[in-house]
């Protein structure tokens, strides 16, 4: 299991990313394991993507700042209507 997780952590998913064409919100933790260069490339490849960073969070931002994440998701979804 560790080997399969390591493969996913090291593999680039940019090809799949460019195939998504629906509105997308990228929510990043302040202490993200995704390198800043990769995030920049994601946003460059799909400039209409909405992105935000949640302060004082790590990998489990949904557990660390659930109210902030919930508000961000609601704002994003309401903006699609």
PDB file of N, CA and C in Angstrom:
ATOM      1  N   UNK A   1       0.825  -1.194   0.000  1.00  0.00           N
ATOM      2  CA  UNK A   1       0.000   0.000   0.000  1.00  0.00           C
ATOM      3  C   UNK A   1       0.872   1.262   0.000  1.00  0.00           C
ATOM      4  N   UNK A   2       1.919   1.251   0.794  1.00  0.00           N
ATOM      5  CA  UNK A   2       2.804   2.408   0.852  1.00  0.00           C
ATOM      6  C   UNK A   2       3.403   2.678  -0.518  1.00  0.00           C
ATOM      7  N   UNK A   3       3.771   1.628  -1.240  1.00  0.00           N
ATOM      8  CA  UNK A   3       4.359   1.797  -2.568  1.00  0.00           C
ATOM      9  C   UNK A   3       3.353   2.451  -3.518  1.00  0.00           C
ATOM     10  N   UNK A   4       2.098   2.023  -3.476  1.00  0.00           N
ATOM     11  CA  UNK A   4       1.107   2.622  -4.382  1.00  0.00           C
ATOM     12  C   UNK A   4       0.840   4.079  -4.026  1.00  0.00           C
ATOM     13  N   UNK A   5       0.846   4.409  -2.740  1.00  0.00           N
ATOM     14  CA  UNK A   5       0.676   5.804  -2.335  1.00  0.00           C
ATOM     15  C   UNK A   5       1.863   6.644  -2.775  1.00  0.00           C
ATOM     16  N   UNK A   6       3.043   6.104  -2.652  1.00  0.00           N
ATOM     17  CA  UNK A   6       4.247   6.828  -3.073  1.00  0.00           C
ATOM     18  C   UNK A   6       4.213   7.090  -4.576  1.00  0.00           C
ATOM     19  N   UNK A   7       3.757   6.118  -5.350  1.00  0.00           N
ATOM     20  CA  UNK A   7       3.655   6.311  -6.806  1.00  0.00           C
ATOM     21  C   UNK A   7       2.712   7.458  -7.129  1.00  0.00           C
ATOM     22  N   UNK A   8       1.582   7.519  -6.455  1.00  0.00           N
ATOM     23  CA  UNK A   8       0.630   8.609  -6.708  1.00  0.00           C
ATOM     24  C   UNK A   8       1.189   9.953  -6.280  1.00  0.00           C
ATOM     25  N   UNK A   9       1.960   9.987  -5.214  1.00  0.00           N
ATOM     26  CA  UNK A   9       2.531  11.244  -4.744  1.00  0.00           C
ATOM     27  C   UNK A   9       3.616  11.755  -5.684  1.00  0.00           C
ATOM     28  N   UNK A  10       4.264  10.857  -6.405  1.00  0.00           N
ATOM     29  CA  UNK A  10       5.358  11.257  -7.284  1.00  0.00           C
ATOM     30  C   UNK A  10       4.921  11.446  -8.727  1.00  0.00           C
ATOM     31  N   UNK A  11       3.778  10.939  -9.093  1.00  0.00           N
ATOM     32  CA  UNK A  11       3.309  11.003 -10.469  1.00  0.00           C
ATOM     33  C   UNK A  11       2.639  12.327 -10.746  1.00  0.00           C
ATOM     34  N   UNK A  12       2.870  12.865 -11.912  1.00  0.00           N
ATOM     35  CA  UNK A  12       2.209  14.105 -12.319  1.00  0.00           C
ATOM     36  C   UNK A  12       0.832  13.774 -12.901  1.00  0.00           C
ATOM     37  N   UNK A  13      -0.147  14.542 -12.522  1.00  0.00           N
ATOM     38  CA  UNK A  13      -1.501  14.371 -13.042  1.00  0.00           C
ATOM     39  C   UNK A  13      -1.898  15.534 -13.948  1.00  0.00           C
ATOM     40  N   UNK A  14      -0.926  16.273 -14.462  1.00  0.00           N
ATOM     41  CA  UNK A  14      -1.230  17.448 -15.275  1.00  0.00           C
ATOM     42  C   UNK A  14      -1.956  17.084 -16.568  1.00  0.00           C
ATOM     43  N   UNK A  15      -1.662  15.931 -17.144  1.00  0.00           N
ATOM     44  CA  UNK A  15      -2.367  15.532 -18.371  1.00  0.00           C
ATOM     45  C   UNK A  15      -3.858  15.376 -18.082  1.00  0.00           C
ATOM     46  N   UNK A  16      -4.181  14.710 -16.995  1.00  0.00           N
ATOM     47  CA  UNK A  16      -5.591  14.546 -16.617  1.00  0.00           C
ATOM     48  C   UNK A  16      -6.217  15.892 -16.267  1.00  0.00           C
ATOM     49  N   UNK A  17      -5.438  16.744 -15.610  1.00  0.00           N
ATOM     50  CA  UNK A  17      -5.917  18.064 -15.210  1.00  0.00           C
ATOM     51  C   UNK A  17      -6.384  18.872 -16.421  1.00  0.00           C
ATOM     52  N   UNK A  18      -5.639  18.795 -17.512  1.00  0.00           N
ATOM     53  CA  UNK A  18      -5.994  19.583 -18.697  1.00  0.00           C
ATOM     54  C   UNK A  18      -7.243  19.050 -19.382  1.00  0.00           C
ATOM     55  N   UNK A  19      -7.668  17.849 -19.050  1.00  0.00           N
ATOM     56  CA  UNK A  19      -8.856  17.267 -19.667  1.00  0.00           C
ATOM     57  C   UNK A  19     -10.143  17.653 -18.945  1.00  0.00           C
ATOM     58  N   UNK A  20     -10.034  18.244 -17.780  1.00  0.00           N
ATOM     59  CA  UNK A  20     -11.201  18.688 -17.022  1.00  0.00           C
ATOM     60  C   UNK A  20     -11.640  20.030 -17.580  1.00  0.00           C
ATOM     61  N   UNK A  21     -12.935  20.151 -17.899  1.00  0.00           N
ATOM     62  CA  UNK A  21     -13.384  21.426 -18.465  1.00  0.00           C
ATOM     63  C   UNK A  21     -14.571  22.031 -17.711  1.00  0.00           C
ATOM     64  N   UNK A  22     -14.841  21.533 -16.522  1.00  0.00           N
ATOM     65  CA  UNK A  22     -15.915  22.114 -15.720  1.00  0.00           C
ATOM     66  C   UNK A  22     -15.323  23.132 -14.741  1.00  0.00           C
ATOM     67  N   UNK A  23     -16.156  24.017 -14.198  1.00  0.00           N
ATOM     68  CA  UNK A  23     -15.655  24.965 -13.200  1.00  0.00           C
ATOM     69  C   UNK A  23     -14.997  24.209 -12.043  1.00  0.00           C
ATOM     70  N   UNK A  24     -13.859  24.709 -11.599  1.00  0.00           N
ATOM     71  CA  UNK A  24     -13.083  23.993 -10.590  1.00  0.00           C
ATOM     72  C   UNK A  24     -12.561  24.954  -9.540  1.00  0.00           C
ATOM     73  N   UNK A  25     -12.683  24.529  -8.298  1.00  0.00           N
ATOM     74  CA  UNK A  25     -12.111  25.260  -7.170  1.00  0.00           C
ATOM     75  C   UNK A  25     -10.956  24.428  -6.627  1.00  0.00           C
ATOM     76  N   UNK A  26      -9.772  24.994  -6.606  1.00  0.00           N
ATOM     77  CA  UNK A  26      -8.606  24.339  -6.017  1.00  0.00           C
ATOM     78  C   UNK A  26      -8.408  24.956  -4.639  1.00  0.00           C
ATOM     79  N   UNK A  27      -8.514  24.121  -3.617  1.00  0.00           N
ATOM     80  CA  UNK A  27      -8.341  24.578  -2.240  1.00  0.00           C
ATOM     81  C   UNK A  27      -7.023  24.011  -1.731  1.00  0.00           C
ATOM     82  N   UNK A  28      -6.140  24.905  -1.354  1.00  0.00           N
ATOM     83  CA  UNK A  28      -4.811  24.506  -0.900  1.00  0.00           C
ATOM     84  C   UNK A  28      -4.645  24.756   0.587  1.00  0.00           C
ATOM     85  N   UNK A  29      -3.946  23.848   1.227  1.00  0.00           N
ATOM     86  CA  UNK A  29      -3.574  24.061   2.618  1.00  0.00           C
ATOM     87  C   UNK A  29      -2.375  25.000   2.653  1.00  0.00           C
ATOM     88  N   UNK A  30      -2.251  25.743   3.714  1.00  0.00           N
ATOM     89  CA  UNK A  30      -1.103  26.643   3.846  1.00  0.00           C
ATOM     90  C   UNK A  30       0.199  25.839   3.816  1.00  0.00           C
ATOM     91  N   UNK A  31       0.191  24.687   4.451  1.00  0.00           N
ATOM     92  CA  UNK A  31       1.362  23.801   4.457  1.00  0.00           C
ATOM     93  C   UNK A  31       1.065  22.622   3.532  1.00  0.00           C
ATOM     94  N   UNK A  32       0.954  22.898   2.263  1.00  0.00           N
ATOM     95  CA  UNK A  32       0.591  21.882   1.286  1.00  0.00           C
ATOM     96  C   UNK A  32       1.794  21.055   0.884  1.00  0.00           C
ATOM     97  N   UNK A  33       1.540  19.804   0.525  1.00  0.00           N
ATOM     98  CA  UNK A  33       2.626  18.970   0.012  1.00  0.00           C
ATOM     99  C   UNK A  33       2.739  19.089  -1.501  1.00  0.00           C
ATOM    100  N   UNK A  34       1.835  19.852  -2.118  1.00  0.00           N
ATOM    101  CA  UNK A  34       1.918  20.100  -3.561  1.00  0.00           C
ATOM    102  C   UNK A  34       2.882  21.268  -3.764  1.00  0.00           C
ATOM    103  N   UNK A  35       3.940  21.051  -4.516  1.00  0.00           N
ATOM    104  CA  UNK A  35       4.914  22.133  -4.727  1.00  0.00           C
ATOM    105  C   UNK A  35       4.270  23.349  -5.394  1.00  0.00           C
ATOM    106  N   UNK A  36       4.713  24.533  -4.981  1.00  0.00           N
ATOM    107  CA  UNK A  36       4.159  25.776  -5.524  1.00  0.00           C
ATOM    108  C   UNK A  36       4.277  25.830  -7.040  1.00  0.00           C
ATOM    109  N   UNK A  37       5.365  25.291  -7.601  1.00  0.00           N
ATOM    110  CA  UNK A  37       5.550  25.291  -9.057  1.00  0.00           C
ATOM    111  C   UNK A  37       4.460  24.475  -9.743  1.00  0.00           C
ATOM    112  N   UNK A  38       4.049  23.376  -9.105  1.00  0.00           N
ATOM    113  CA  UNK A  38       2.996  22.546  -9.700  1.00  0.00           C
ATOM    114  C   UNK A  38       1.652  23.265  -9.664  1.00  0.00           C
ATOM    115  N   UNK A  39       1.375  23.951  -8.575  1.00  0.00           N
ATOM    116  CA  UNK A  39       0.133  24.731  -8.488  1.00  0.00           C
ATOM    117  C   UNK A  39       0.139  25.829  -9.541  1.00  0.00           C
ATOM    118  N   UNK A  40       1.262  26.515  -9.685  1.00  0.00           N
ATOM    119  CA  UNK A  40       1.368  27.561 -10.700  1.00  0.00           C
ATOM    120  C   UNK A  40       1.117  26.996 -12.094  1.00  0.00           C
ATOM    121  N   UNK A  41       1.661  25.830 -12.365  1.00  0.00           N
ATOM    122  CA  UNK A  41       1.458  25.190 -13.669  1.00  0.00           C
ATOM    123  C   UNK A  41      -0.002  24.794 -13.867  1.00  0.00           C
ATOM    124  N   UNK A  42      -0.640  24.286 -12.823  1.00  0.00           N
ATOM    125  CA  UNK A  42      -2.063  23.934 -12.913  1.00  0.00           C
ATOM    126  C   UNK A  42      -2.891  25.161 -13.291  1.00  0.00           C
ATOM    127  N   UNK A  43      -2.622  26.260 -12.627  1.00  0.00           N
ATOM    128  CA  UNK A  43      -3.387  27.480 -12.883  1.00  0.00           C
ATOM    129  C   UNK A  43      -3.045  28.073 -14.247  1.00  0.00           C
ATOM    130  N   UNK A  44      -1.817  27.919 -14.688  1.00  0.00           N
ATOM    131  CA  UNK A  44      -1.438  28.402 -16.017  1.00  0.00           C
ATOM    132  C   UNK A  44      -2.164  27.588 -17.100  1.00  0.00           C
ATOM    133  N   UNK A  45      -2.263  26.292 -16.895  1.00  0.00           N
ATOM    134  CA  UNK A  45      -2.912  25.425 -17.877  1.00  0.00           C
ATOM    135  C   UNK A  45      -4.423  25.634 -17.933  1.00  0.00           C
ATOM    136  N   UNK A  46      -5.011  26.039 -16.827  1.00  0.00           N
ATOM    137  CA  UNK A  46      -6.456  26.277 -16.768  1.00  0.00           C
ATOM    138  C   UNK A  46      -6.702  27.588 -16.036  1.00  0.00           C
ATOM    139  N   UNK A  47      -6.519  28.723 -16.727  1.00  0.00           N
ATOM    140  CA  UNK A  47      -6.603  30.026 -16.062  1.00  0.00           C
ATOM    141  C   UNK A  47      -7.977  30.363 -15.488  1.00  0.00           C
ATOM    142  N   UNK A  48      -9.017  29.680 -15.922  1.00  0.00           N
ATOM    143  CA  UNK A  48     -10.347  29.972 -15.372  1.00  0.00           C
ATOM    144  C   UNK A  48     -10.591  29.265 -14.037  1.00  0.00           C
ATOM    145  N   UNK A  49      -9.631  28.510 -13.576  1.00  0.00           N
ATOM    146  CA  UNK A  49      -9.743  27.818 -12.297  1.00  0.00           C
ATOM    147  C   UNK A  49      -9.713  28.820 -11.151  1.00  0.00           C
ATOM    148  N   UNK A  50     -10.558  28.597 -10.174  1.00  0.00           N
ATOM    149  CA  UNK A  50     -10.551  29.406  -8.961  1.00  0.00           C
ATOM    150  C   UNK A  50      -9.680  28.690  -7.939  1.00  0.00           C
ATOM    151  N   UNK A  51      -8.812  29.435  -7.284  1.00  0.00           N
ATOM    152  CA  UNK A  51      -7.963  28.815  -6.271  1.00  0.00           C
ATOM    153  C   UNK A  51      -7.946  29.662  -5.016  1.00  0.00           C
ATOM    154  N   UNK A  52      -7.700  29.004  -3.897  1.00  0.00           N
ATOM    155  CA  UNK A  52      -7.584  29.694  -2.623  1.00  0.00           C
ATOM    156  C   UNK A  52      -6.731  28.858  -1.691  1.00  0.00           C
ATOM    157  N   UNK A  53      -6.150  29.518  -0.722  1.00  0.00           N
ATOM    158  CA  UNK A  53      -5.362  28.846   0.306  1.00  0.00           C
ATOM    159  C   UNK A  53      -6.005  29.132   1.653  1.00  0.00           C
ATOM    160  N   UNK A  54      -6.094  28.108   2.470  1.00  0.00           N
ATOM    161  CA  UNK A  54      -6.683  28.271   3.796  1.00  0.00           C
ATOM    162  C   UNK A  54      -5.550  28.355   4.818  1.00  0.00           C
ATOM    163  N   UNK A  55      -5.444  29.495   5.502  1.00  0.00           N
ATOM    164  CA  UNK A  55      -4.357  29.682   6.474  1.00  0.00           C
ATOM    165  C   UNK A  55      -4.444  28.685   7.633  1.00  0.00           C
ATOM    166  N   UNK A  56      -3.304  28.441   8.239  1.00  0.00           N
ATOM    167  CA  UNK A  56      -3.201  27.608   9.447  1.00  0.00           C
ATOM    168  C   UNK A  56      -3.713  26.192   9.222  1.00  0.00           C
ATOM    169  N   UNK A  57      -3.436  25.632   8.034  1.00  0.00           N
ATOM    170  CA  UNK A  57      -3.869  24.269   7.745  1.00  0.00           C
ATOM    171  C   UNK A  57      -2.734  23.457   7.137  1.00  0.00           C
ATOM    172  N   UNK A  58      -2.883  22.163   7.275  1.00  0.00           N
ATOM    173  CA  UNK A  58      -1.995  21.199   6.641  1.00  0.00           C
ATOM    174  C   UNK A  58      -2.827  20.303   5.740  1.00  0.00           C
ATOM    175  N   UNK A  59      -2.382  19.077   5.585  1.00  0.00           N
ATOM    176  CA  UNK A  59      -3.034  18.138   4.667  1.00  0.00           C
ATOM    177  C   UNK A  59      -4.517  17.924   4.993  1.00  0.00           C
ATOM    178  N   UNK A  60      -4.878  17.928   6.262  1.00  0.00           N
ATOM    179  CA  UNK A  60      -6.262  17.662   6.668  1.00  0.00           C
ATOM    180  C   UNK A  60      -7.047  18.951   6.883  1.00  0.00           C
ATOM    181  N   UNK A  61      -6.981  19.848   5.914  1.00  0.00           N
ATOM    182  CA  UNK A  61      -7.627  21.151   6.087  1.00  0.00           C
ATOM    183  C   UNK A  61      -9.120  21.027   6.325  1.00  0.00           C
ATOM    184  N   UNK A  62      -9.740  19.967   5.803  1.00  0.00           N
ATOM    185  CA  UNK A  62     -11.175  19.766   6.021  1.00  0.00           C
ATOM    186  C   UNK A  62     -11.481  19.461   7.492  1.00  0.00           C
ATOM    187  N   UNK A  63     -10.494  18.960   8.225  1.00  0.00           N
ATOM    188  CA  UNK A  63     -10.665  18.713   9.655  1.00  0.00           C
ATOM    189  C   UNK A  63     -10.180  19.898  10.491  1.00  0.00           C
ATOM    190  N   UNK A  64      -9.185  20.602   9.996  1.00  0.00           N
ATOM    191  CA  UNK A  64      -8.566  21.691  10.752  1.00  0.00           C
ATOM    192  C   UNK A  64      -9.364  22.993  10.682  1.00  0.00           C
ATOM    193  N   UNK A  65      -9.964  23.279   9.530  1.00  0.00           N
ATOM    194  CA  UNK A  65     -10.723  24.515   9.337  1.00  0.00           C
ATOM    195  C   UNK A  65     -12.020  24.216   8.567  1.00  0.00           C
ATOM    196  N   UNK A  66     -12.881  23.346   9.099  1.00  0.00           N
ATOM    197  CA  UNK A  66     -14.076  22.944   8.343  1.00  0.00           C
ATOM    198  C   UNK A  66     -15.018  24.109   8.016  1.00  0.00           C
ATOM    199  N   UNK A  67     -15.160  25.062   8.907  1.00  0.00           N
ATOM    200  CA  UNK A  67     -16.072  26.185   8.646  1.00  0.00           C
ATOM    201  C   UNK A  67     -15.551  27.053   7.501  1.00  0.00           C
ATOM    202  N   UNK A  68     -14.251  27.267   7.455  1.00  0.00           N
ATOM    203  CA  UNK A  68     -13.653  28.072   6.386  1.00  0.00           C
ATOM    204  C   UNK A  68     -13.809  27.345   5.053  1.00  0.00           C
ATOM    205  N   UNK A  69     -13.550  26.060   5.039  1.00  0.00           N
ATOM    206  CA  UNK A  69     -13.707  25.278   3.817  1.00  0.00           C
ATOM    207  C   UNK A  69     -15.163  25.276   3.371  1.00  0.00           C
ATOM    208  N   UNK A  70     -16.067  25.078   4.289  1.00  0.00           N
ATOM    209  CA  UNK A  70     -17.500  25.062   3.964  1.00  0.00           C
ATOM    210  C   UNK A  70     -17.926  26.390   3.341  1.00  0.00           C
ATOM    211  N   UNK A  71     -17.503  27.485   3.919  1.00  0.00           N
ATOM    212  CA  UNK A  71     -17.855  28.809   3.382  1.00  0.00           C
ATOM    213  C   UNK A  71     -17.274  28.996   1.985  1.00  0.00           C
ATOM    214  N   UNK A  72     -16.040  28.548   1.778  1.00  0.00           N
ATOM    215  CA  UNK A  72     -15.409  28.676   0.458  1.00  0.00           C
ATOM    216  C   UNK A  72     -16.160  27.853  -0.586  1.00  0.00           C
ATOM    217  N   UNK A  73     -16.549  26.648  -0.217  1.00  0.00           N
ATOM    218  CA  UNK A  73     -17.300  25.803  -1.150  1.00  0.00           C
ATOM    219  C   UNK A  73     -18.661  26.410  -1.473  1.00  0.00           C
ATOM    220  N   UNK A  74     -19.335  26.919  -0.458  1.00  0.00           N
ATOM    221  CA  UNK A  74     -20.635  27.560  -0.702  1.00  0.00           C
ATOM    222  C   UNK A  74     -20.504  28.764  -1.622  1.00  0.00           C
ATOM    223  N   UNK A  75     -19.519  29.606  -1.366  1.00  0.00           N
ATOM    224  CA  UNK A  75     -19.295  30.784  -2.220  1.00  0.00           C
ATOM    225  C   UNK A  75     -19.033  30.367  -3.661  1.00  0.00           C
ATOM    226  N   UNK A  76     -18.197  29.363  -3.835  1.00  0.00           N
ATOM    227  CA  UNK A  76     -17.866  28.893  -5.181  1.00  0.00           C
ATOM    228  C   UNK A  76     -19.115  28.355  -5.875  1.00  0.00           C
ATOM    229  N   UNK A  77     -19.850  27.494  -5.201  1.00  0.00           N
ATOM    230  CA  UNK A  77     -21.041  26.891  -5.815  1.00  0.00           C
ATOM    231  C   UNK A  77     -22.129  27.917  -6.092  1.00  0.00           C
ATOM    232  N   UNK A  78     -22.309  28.867  -5.193  1.00  0.00           N
ATOM    233  CA  UNK A  78     -23.306  29.916  -5.425  1.00  0.00           C
ATOM    234  C   UNK A  78     -22.911  30.787  -6.617  1.00  0.00           C
ATOM    235  N   UNK A  79     -21.631  30.945  -6.831  1.00  0.00           N
ATOM    236  CA  UNK A  79     -21.154  31.720  -7.965  1.00  0.00           C
ATOM    237  C   UNK A  79     -21.400  31.044  -9.307  1.00  0.00           C
ATOM    238  N   UNK A  80     -21.675  29.749  -9.278  1.00  0.00           N
ATOM    239  CA  UNK A  80     -21.953  29.013 -10.514  1.00  0.00           C
ATOM    240  C   UNK A  80     -23.405  29.156 -10.957  1.00  0.00           C
ATOM    241  N   UNK A  81     -24.251  29.549 -10.034  1.00  0.00           N
ATOM    242  CA  UNK A  81     -25.693  29.614 -10.332  1.00  0.00           C
ATOM    243  C   UNK A  81     -26.028  30.775 -11.247  1.00  0.00           C
TER     244      UNK A  81
END
